[in-house]
Amino acid sequence: MKPHNPSIREEALALLRRGVPNRVVAERLNVPRGTVGWWRHEDRRKRVEPVAPRRSLLCPICDDRPLDKVAYAYLLALYLGDGHISHYVKH
């Protein structure tokens, strides 16, 4: 894997520090998004920049957030389909 030109990385970091999203930086500089994300992570770590806590999308109960009952019911209905579970028996 060929390393990126240091000037590309510096330009990416300058854009990221101004609030430009990773995706936009990656497209503008023709660099993979994963690379841009890594550069951002390493830059924050080196500058000891506090990282805002991310809200977990995994479990509202684990994060002490109220459960969106309507959204949960809709998602459950999609998962269950017509609500009928059957056992297929091959004859």
N, C-alpha and C. Protein backbone atom coordinates (compact mmCIF):
# COMPACT_ATOMS: atom_id res chain seq x y z
N MET A 1 0.85 -1.18 0.00
CA MET A 1 0.00 0.00 0.00
C MET A 1 0.90 1.24 0.00
N LYS A 2 0.64 2.13 -0.91
CA LYS A 2 1.42 3.35 -1.04
C LYS A 2 0.90 4.41 -0.05
N PRO A 3 1.82 4.99 0.76
CA PRO A 3 1.36 6.02 1.71
C PRO A 3 0.92 7.28 0.97
N HIS A 4 0.02 8.01 1.59
CA HIS A 4 -0.48 9.26 1.00
C HIS A 4 0.54 10.36 1.22
N ASN A 5 0.54 11.29 0.31
CA ASN A 5 1.40 12.46 0.41
C ASN A 5 1.06 13.22 1.70
N PRO A 6 2.07 13.59 2.49
CA PRO A 6 1.79 14.32 3.74
C PRO A 6 0.97 15.60 3.54
N SER A 7 1.11 16.24 2.37
CA SER A 7 0.33 17.46 2.15
C SER A 7 -1.16 17.14 2.02
N ILE A 8 -1.50 15.95 1.50
CA ILE A 8 -2.90 15.53 1.41
C ILE A 8 -3.47 15.33 2.81
N ARG A 9 -2.67 14.69 3.67
CA ARG A 9 -3.12 14.47 5.04
C ARG A 9 -3.33 15.80 5.77
N GLU A 10 -2.41 16.72 5.61
CA GLU A 10 -2.55 18.03 6.26
C GLU A 10 -3.77 18.78 5.75
N GLU A 11 -4.01 18.70 4.45
CA GLU A 11 -5.20 19.35 3.89
C GLU A 11 -6.47 18.72 4.45
N ALA A 12 -6.46 17.39 4.55
CA ALA A 12 -7.62 16.68 5.11
C ALA A 12 -7.85 17.11 6.55
N LEU A 13 -6.80 17.17 7.34
CA LEU A 13 -6.94 17.56 8.75
C LEU A 13 -7.43 19.00 8.87
N ALA A 14 -6.97 19.87 8.01
CA ALA A 14 -7.44 21.26 8.05
C ALA A 14 -8.94 21.32 7.77
N LEU A 15 -9.40 20.55 6.79
CA LEU A 15 -10.84 20.52 6.48
C LEU A 15 -11.63 19.92 7.64
N LEU A 16 -11.12 18.83 8.20
CA LEU A 16 -11.81 18.17 9.30
C LEU A 16 -11.93 19.09 10.51
N ARG A 17 -10.88 19.85 10.79
CA ARG A 17 -10.90 20.76 11.93
C ARG A 17 -11.88 21.90 11.72
N ARG A 18 -12.22 22.18 10.46
CA ARG A 18 -13.24 23.21 10.17
C ARG A 18 -14.64 22.63 10.18
N GLY A 19 -14.75 21.33 10.43
CA GLY A 19 -16.07 20.71 10.55
C GLY A 19 -16.58 20.03 9.31
N VAL A 20 -15.74 19.90 8.29
CA VAL A 20 -16.17 19.22 7.06
C VAL A 20 -16.28 17.72 7.37
N PRO A 21 -17.39 17.07 7.00
CA PRO A 21 -17.57 15.65 7.30
C PRO A 21 -16.53 14.76 6.59
N ASN A 22 -16.24 13.62 7.21
CA ASN A 22 -15.27 12.67 6.64
C ASN A 22 -15.57 12.34 5.19
N ARG A 23 -16.84 12.08 4.90
CA ARG A 23 -17.22 11.67 3.54
C ARG A 23 -16.86 12.74 2.52
N VAL A 24 -17.13 13.98 2.85
CA VAL A 24 -16.86 15.09 1.93
C VAL A 24 -15.35 15.24 1.73
N VAL A 25 -14.59 15.15 2.82
CA VAL A 25 -13.13 15.25 2.73
C VAL A 25 -12.59 14.13 1.85
N ALA A 26 -13.08 12.92 2.07
CA ALA A 26 -12.62 11.77 1.29
C ALA A 26 -12.91 11.96 -0.20
N GLU A 27 -14.11 12.42 -0.52
CA GLU A 27 -14.46 12.62 -1.93
C GLU A 27 -13.64 13.75 -2.56
N ARG A 28 -13.46 14.84 -1.82
CA ARG A 28 -12.74 15.99 -2.34
C ARG A 28 -11.27 15.66 -2.62
N LEU A 29 -10.66 14.86 -1.74
CA LEU A 29 -9.23 14.57 -1.88
C LEU A 29 -8.94 13.20 -2.49
N ASN A 30 -10.00 12.47 -2.86
CA ASN A 30 -9.87 11.16 -3.47
C ASN A 30 -9.08 10.21 -2.57
N VAL A 31 -9.51 10.14 -1.31
CA VAL A 31 -8.89 9.30 -0.29
C VAL A 31 -9.99 8.44 0.31
N PRO A 32 -9.72 7.18 0.64
CA PRO A 32 -10.76 6.34 1.26
C PRO A 32 -11.29 6.95 2.56
N ARG A 33 -12.59 6.78 2.79
CA ARG A 33 -13.21 7.34 4.00
C ARG A 33 -12.59 6.77 5.26
N GLY A 34 -12.22 5.50 5.23
CA GLY A 34 -11.59 4.89 6.40
C GLY A 34 -10.28 5.56 6.74
N THR A 35 -9.54 5.94 5.72
CA THR A 35 -8.27 6.64 5.93
C THR A 35 -8.52 7.99 6.57
N VAL A 36 -9.50 8.70 6.07
CA VAL A 36 -9.84 10.02 6.62
C VAL A 36 -10.27 9.87 8.08
N GLY A 37 -11.08 8.86 8.36
CA GLY A 37 -11.51 8.63 9.74
C GLY A 37 -10.34 8.31 10.66
N TRP A 38 -9.39 7.54 10.16
CA TRP A 38 -8.21 7.22 10.95
C TRP A 38 -7.37 8.47 11.21
N TRP A 39 -7.19 9.28 10.18
CA TRP A 39 -6.44 10.53 10.34
C TRP A 39 -7.09 11.40 11.41
N ARG A 40 -8.43 11.49 11.37
CA ARG A 40 -9.15 12.31 12.35
C ARG A 40 -8.94 11.75 13.75
N HIS A 41 -9.06 10.45 13.88
CA HIS A 41 -8.87 9.80 15.19
C HIS A 41 -7.46 10.08 15.73
N GLU A 42 -6.46 9.86 14.89
CA GLU A 42 -5.07 10.08 15.32
C GLU A 42 -4.80 11.54 15.64
N ASP A 43 -5.38 12.46 14.87
CA ASP A 43 -5.21 13.89 15.12
C ASP A 43 -5.80 14.27 16.48
N ARG A 44 -6.99 13.79 16.77
CA ARG A 44 -7.63 14.07 18.05
C ARG A 44 -6.82 13.50 19.21
N ARG A 45 -6.30 12.29 19.01
CA ARG A 45 -5.52 11.65 20.06
C ARG A 45 -4.23 12.43 20.33
N LYS A 46 -3.55 12.85 19.28
CA LYS A 46 -2.29 13.59 19.43
C LYS A 46 -2.51 14.94 20.09
N ARG A 47 -3.63 15.58 19.79
CA ARG A 47 -3.92 16.89 20.35
C ARG A 47 -4.65 16.79 21.69
N VAL A 48 -4.90 15.57 22.14
CA VAL A 48 -5.62 15.29 23.38
C VAL A 48 -6.94 16.08 23.39
N GLU A 49 -7.61 16.02 22.27
CA GLU A 49 -8.90 16.70 22.12
C GLU A 49 -9.98 15.84 22.75
N PRO A 50 -10.79 16.43 23.60
CA PRO A 50 -11.87 15.63 24.19
C PRO A 50 -12.87 15.22 23.10
N VAL A 51 -13.26 14.00 23.15
CA VAL A 51 -14.23 13.48 22.18
C VAL A 51 -15.59 13.46 22.84
N ALA A 52 -16.56 14.05 22.18
CA ALA A 52 -17.92 14.07 22.71
C ALA A 52 -18.45 12.64 22.77
N PRO A 53 -19.09 12.28 23.86
CA PRO A 53 -19.63 10.92 23.95
C PRO A 53 -20.68 10.71 22.88
N ARG A 54 -20.59 9.57 22.22
CA ARG A 54 -21.57 9.24 21.18
C ARG A 54 -22.75 8.54 21.81
N ARG A 55 -23.91 8.87 21.29
CA ARG A 55 -25.10 8.15 21.74
C ARG A 55 -25.09 6.80 21.07
N SER A 56 -25.28 5.80 21.85
CA SER A 56 -25.32 4.45 21.32
C SER A 56 -26.62 4.26 20.55
N LEU A 57 -26.52 3.60 19.43
CA LEU A 57 -27.72 3.27 18.67
C LEU A 57 -28.16 1.85 18.98
N LEU A 58 -27.44 1.22 19.90
CA LEU A 58 -27.71 -0.18 20.15
C LEU A 58 -28.91 -0.42 21.06
N CYS A 59 -28.96 0.29 22.17
CA CYS A 59 -30.00 -0.03 23.14
C CYS A 59 -30.38 1.19 23.95
N PRO A 60 -31.59 1.70 23.78
CA PRO A 60 -31.99 2.86 24.57
C PRO A 60 -32.09 2.55 26.06
N ILE A 61 -32.40 1.32 26.39
CA ILE A 61 -32.51 0.96 27.80
C ILE A 61 -31.12 0.98 28.45
N CYS A 62 -30.11 0.46 27.73
CA CYS A 62 -28.74 0.45 28.25
C CYS A 62 -28.20 1.87 28.40
N ASP A 63 -28.65 2.77 27.55
CA ASP A 63 -28.20 4.16 27.59
C ASP A 63 -29.10 5.04 28.44
N ASP A 64 -30.04 4.42 29.15
CA ASP A 64 -30.96 5.14 30.01
C ASP A 64 -31.76 6.19 29.23
N ARG A 65 -32.21 5.78 28.04
CA ARG A 65 -33.08 6.63 27.23
C ARG A 65 -34.44 5.96 27.16
N PRO A 66 -35.50 6.73 26.98
CA PRO A 66 -36.82 6.10 26.88
C PRO A 66 -36.94 5.31 25.57
N LEU A 67 -37.65 4.21 25.65
CA LEU A 67 -37.89 3.37 24.48
C LEU A 67 -38.98 4.00 23.63
N ASP A 68 -38.73 4.14 22.34
CA ASP A 68 -39.74 4.64 21.41
C ASP A 68 -40.64 3.46 21.07
N LYS A 69 -41.76 3.35 21.79
CA LYS A 69 -42.62 2.17 21.67
C LYS A 69 -43.24 2.03 20.29
N VAL A 70 -43.58 3.13 19.66
CA VAL A 70 -44.18 3.07 18.32
C VAL A 70 -43.16 2.56 17.32
N ALA A 71 -41.94 3.09 17.37
CA ALA A 71 -40.89 2.65 16.45
C ALA A 71 -40.53 1.19 16.71
N TYR A 72 -40.48 0.80 17.99
CA TYR A 72 -40.16 -0.58 18.33
C TYR A 72 -41.24 -1.54 17.81
N ALA A 73 -42.50 -1.16 17.99
CA ALA A 73 -43.59 -2.01 17.50
C ALA A 73 -43.54 -2.15 15.98
N TYR A 74 -43.24 -1.06 15.30
CA TYR A 74 -43.14 -1.10 13.84
C TYR A 74 -41.99 -2.02 13.40
N LEU A 75 -40.84 -1.87 14.05
CA LEU A 75 -39.69 -2.71 13.72
C LEU A 75 -39.98 -4.17 14.00
N LEU A 76 -40.62 -4.45 15.11
CA LEU A 76 -40.99 -5.83 15.44
C LEU A 76 -41.95 -6.40 14.40
N ALA A 77 -42.90 -5.59 13.96
CA ALA A 77 -43.85 -6.05 12.94
C ALA A 77 -43.12 -6.36 11.63
N LEU A 78 -42.15 -5.53 11.26
CA LEU A 78 -41.38 -5.82 10.06
C LEU A 78 -40.62 -7.13 10.20
N TYR A 79 -40.06 -7.34 11.38
CA TYR A 79 -39.28 -8.55 11.63
C TYR A 79 -40.17 -9.78 11.58
N LEU A 80 -41.34 -9.69 12.18
CA LEU A 80 -42.22 -10.85 12.23
C LEU A 80 -43.01 -11.06 10.95
N GLY A 81 -43.08 -10.05 10.12
CA GLY A 81 -43.85 -10.19 8.89
C GLY A 81 -45.33 -10.19 9.19
N ASP A 82 -46.00 -11.26 8.80
CA ASP A 82 -47.45 -11.31 9.02
C ASP A 82 -47.82 -11.82 10.41
N GLY A 83 -46.83 -12.10 11.23
CA GLY A 83 -47.10 -12.56 12.58
C GLY A 83 -47.36 -14.04 12.68
N HIS A 84 -47.26 -14.75 11.57
CA HIS A 84 -47.54 -16.18 11.56
C HIS A 84 -46.23 -16.94 11.44
N ILE A 85 -45.95 -17.79 12.42
CA ILE A 85 -44.74 -18.61 12.39
C ILE A 85 -45.20 -20.03 12.15
N SER A 86 -44.63 -20.65 11.14
CA SER A 86 -45.05 -22.03 10.84
C SER A 86 -43.83 -22.93 10.75
N HIS A 87 -44.09 -24.19 10.85
CA HIS A 87 -43.05 -25.19 10.76
C HIS A 87 -43.25 -25.94 9.44
N TYR A 88 -42.23 -25.95 8.61
CA TYR A 88 -42.34 -26.61 7.32
C TYR A 88 -41.99 -28.09 7.49
N VAL A 89 -42.87 -28.93 7.03
CA VAL A 89 -42.61 -30.37 7.08
C VAL A 89 -42.54 -30.88 5.66
N LYS A 90 -41.41 -31.47 5.32
CA LYS A 90 -41.23 -32.02 3.98
C LYS A 90 -41.94 -33.36 3.89
N HIS A 91 -42.78 -33.54 2.86
CA HIS A 91 -43.52 -34.81 2.70
C HIS A 91 -42.76 -35.77 1.85
